[in-house]
Amino acid sequence: MGLENMPDILTIKELCEFIKVSESTIRRAINDGSLKSFKAGKNVRIEKESVIEWLKEK
């Protein structure tokens, strides 16, 4: 299961399950600005391109 199989827009939970990290890890990355996200109503969404950039930095 590679990055090409990742949906274009993910929820925090989907991203956690996809890359096998905790929700707190993703929330920390969003809060410190290293992982870009946006709000859709009250929900946080993350674009695939942002995930790829974030993983390359790590």
N, C-alpha and C. Protein backbone atom coordinates (compact mmCIF):
# COMPACT_ATOMS: atom_id res chain seq x y z
N MET A 1 0.86 -1.17 0.00
CA MET A 1 0.00 0.00 0.00
C MET A 1 0.91 1.24 0.00
N GLY A 2 1.03 1.88 -1.15
CA GLY A 2 1.90 3.04 -1.27
C GLY A 2 1.12 4.34 -1.26
N LEU A 3 1.86 5.42 -1.37
CA LEU A 3 1.26 6.74 -1.35
C LEU A 3 0.31 6.96 -2.53
N GLU A 4 0.55 6.28 -3.64
CA GLU A 4 -0.34 6.44 -4.79
C GLU A 4 -1.75 5.93 -4.51
N ASN A 5 -1.89 5.07 -3.51
CA ASN A 5 -3.20 4.54 -3.14
C ASN A 5 -3.94 5.42 -2.13
N MET A 6 -3.25 6.45 -1.64
CA MET A 6 -3.84 7.34 -0.65
C MET A 6 -4.87 8.25 -1.33
N PRO A 7 -6.01 8.46 -0.70
CA PRO A 7 -7.00 9.41 -1.25
C PRO A 7 -6.42 10.82 -1.32
N ASP A 8 -6.99 11.67 -2.16
CA ASP A 8 -6.49 13.04 -2.32
C ASP A 8 -6.71 13.89 -1.09
N ILE A 9 -7.77 13.61 -0.33
CA ILE A 9 -8.07 14.35 0.90
C ILE A 9 -8.40 13.32 1.99
N LEU A 10 -7.77 13.51 3.15
CA LEU A 10 -7.93 12.55 4.24
C LEU A 10 -8.37 13.23 5.53
N THR A 11 -9.00 12.46 6.38
CA THR A 11 -9.27 12.90 7.75
C THR A 11 -8.04 12.54 8.59
N ILE A 12 -7.99 13.06 9.79
CA ILE A 12 -6.88 12.71 10.69
C ILE A 12 -6.87 11.21 10.95
N LYS A 13 -8.03 10.65 11.21
CA LYS A 13 -8.12 9.21 11.49
C LYS A 13 -7.65 8.37 10.30
N GLU A 14 -8.06 8.74 9.10
CA GLU A 14 -7.63 8.01 7.90
C GLU A 14 -6.12 8.06 7.74
N LEU A 15 -5.55 9.25 7.96
CA LEU A 15 -4.10 9.39 7.83
C LEU A 15 -3.38 8.55 8.88
N CYS A 16 -3.87 8.55 10.10
CA CYS A 16 -3.28 7.74 11.15
C CYS A 16 -3.25 6.27 10.78
N GLU A 17 -4.36 5.78 10.27
CA GLU A 17 -4.45 4.38 9.88
C GLU A 17 -3.54 4.08 8.69
N PHE A 18 -3.44 5.03 7.76
CA PHE A 18 -2.66 4.81 6.55
C PHE A 18 -1.16 4.74 6.84
N ILE A 19 -0.66 5.68 7.66
CA ILE A 19 0.79 5.69 7.90
C ILE A 19 1.18 5.11 9.26
N LYS A 20 0.20 4.57 9.98
CA LYS A 20 0.44 3.85 11.24
C LYS A 20 1.11 4.71 12.31
N VAL A 21 0.52 5.87 12.57
CA VAL A 21 0.96 6.72 13.68
C VAL A 21 -0.25 7.09 14.52
N SER A 22 0.01 7.65 15.69
CA SER A 22 -1.10 8.01 16.57
C SER A 22 -1.74 9.32 16.13
N GLU A 23 -2.96 9.52 16.58
CA GLU A 23 -3.68 10.76 16.28
C GLU A 23 -2.95 11.96 16.89
N SER A 24 -2.36 11.77 18.06
CA SER A 24 -1.64 12.87 18.69
C SER A 24 -0.42 13.30 17.86
N THR A 25 0.22 12.37 17.19
CA THR A 25 1.34 12.70 16.32
C THR A 25 0.90 13.60 15.18
N ILE A 26 -0.24 13.27 14.57
CA ILE A 26 -0.76 14.07 13.46
C ILE A 26 -1.22 15.43 13.96
N ARG A 27 -1.91 15.46 15.08
CA ARG A 27 -2.38 16.74 15.63
C ARG A 27 -1.20 17.65 16.01
N ARG A 28 -0.13 17.08 16.56
CA ARG A 28 1.06 17.87 16.88
C ARG A 28 1.66 18.48 15.62
N ALA A 29 1.76 17.68 14.56
CA ALA A 29 2.32 18.17 13.30
C ALA A 29 1.46 19.28 12.71
N ILE A 30 0.15 19.16 12.84
CA ILE A 30 -0.76 20.21 12.35
C ILE A 30 -0.59 21.47 13.20
N ASN A 31 -0.55 21.30 14.51
CA ASN A 31 -0.46 22.45 15.43
C ASN A 31 0.87 23.19 15.30
N ASP A 32 1.96 22.46 15.03
CA ASP A 32 3.26 23.16 14.90
C ASP A 32 3.50 23.67 13.48
N GLY A 33 2.54 23.41 12.58
CA GLY A 33 2.63 23.96 11.24
C GLY A 33 3.41 23.14 10.25
N SER A 34 3.94 22.00 10.67
CA SER A 34 4.73 21.18 9.74
C SER A 34 3.86 20.36 8.79
N LEU A 35 2.60 20.12 9.17
CA LEU A 35 1.65 19.42 8.31
C LEU A 35 0.48 20.37 8.04
N LYS A 36 0.31 20.73 6.79
CA LYS A 36 -0.75 21.67 6.42
C LYS A 36 -2.09 20.95 6.38
N SER A 37 -3.11 21.65 6.87
CA SER A 37 -4.45 21.10 6.88
C SER A 37 -5.44 22.23 6.67
N PHE A 38 -6.71 21.86 6.52
CA PHE A 38 -7.76 22.87 6.41
C PHE A 38 -9.00 22.34 7.09
N LYS A 39 -9.90 23.26 7.42
CA LYS A 39 -11.15 22.90 8.07
C LYS A 39 -12.26 22.79 7.03
N ALA A 40 -13.06 21.75 7.16
CA ALA A 40 -14.28 21.58 6.38
C ALA A 40 -15.40 21.52 7.41
N GLY A 41 -15.99 22.68 7.66
CA GLY A 41 -16.93 22.78 8.77
C GLY A 41 -16.14 22.70 10.07
N LYS A 42 -16.48 21.76 10.91
CA LYS A 42 -15.74 21.57 12.16
C LYS A 42 -14.65 20.51 12.03
N ASN A 43 -14.57 19.88 10.88
CA ASN A 43 -13.65 18.77 10.68
C ASN A 43 -12.36 19.19 10.01
N VAL A 44 -11.26 18.58 10.41
CA VAL A 44 -9.96 18.84 9.82
C VAL A 44 -9.74 17.87 8.65
N ARG A 45 -9.23 18.43 7.56
CA ARG A 45 -8.90 17.61 6.38
C ARG A 45 -7.46 17.91 5.98
N ILE A 46 -6.81 16.91 5.39
CA ILE A 46 -5.42 17.03 5.01
C ILE A 46 -5.28 16.57 3.56
N GLU A 47 -4.63 17.39 2.74
CA GLU A 47 -4.43 17.03 1.34
C GLU A 47 -3.24 16.08 1.20
N LYS A 48 -3.35 15.18 0.24
CA LYS A 48 -2.31 14.19 -0.03
C LYS A 48 -0.95 14.85 -0.25
N GLU A 49 -0.92 15.97 -1.00
CA GLU A 49 0.34 16.65 -1.28
C GLU A 49 1.01 17.13 0.00
N SER A 50 0.20 17.59 0.97
CA SER A 50 0.74 18.03 2.25
C SER A 50 1.36 16.87 3.02
N VAL A 51 0.72 15.72 2.94
CA VAL A 51 1.24 14.52 3.61
C VAL A 51 2.58 14.12 3.00
N ILE A 52 2.67 14.12 1.68
CA ILE A 52 3.90 13.75 1.00
C ILE A 52 5.03 14.70 1.39
N GLU A 53 4.76 16.01 1.40
CA GLU A 53 5.78 17.00 1.81
C GLU A 53 6.22 16.75 3.25
N TRP A 54 5.26 16.52 4.14
CA TRP A 54 5.55 16.30 5.54
C TRP A 54 6.41 15.04 5.73
N LEU A 55 6.09 13.98 5.03
CA LEU A 55 6.86 12.74 5.15
C LEU A 55 8.27 12.91 4.61
N LYS A 56 8.43 13.68 3.55
CA LYS A 56 9.78 13.93 3.00
C LYS A 56 10.64 14.70 3.98
N GLU A 57 10.04 15.64 4.73
CA GLU A 57 10.77 16.40 5.73
C GLU A 57 11.22 15.53 6.89
N LYS A 58 10.44 14.51 7.19
CA LYS A 58 10.77 13.61 8.30
C LYS A 58 11.73 12.58 7.81
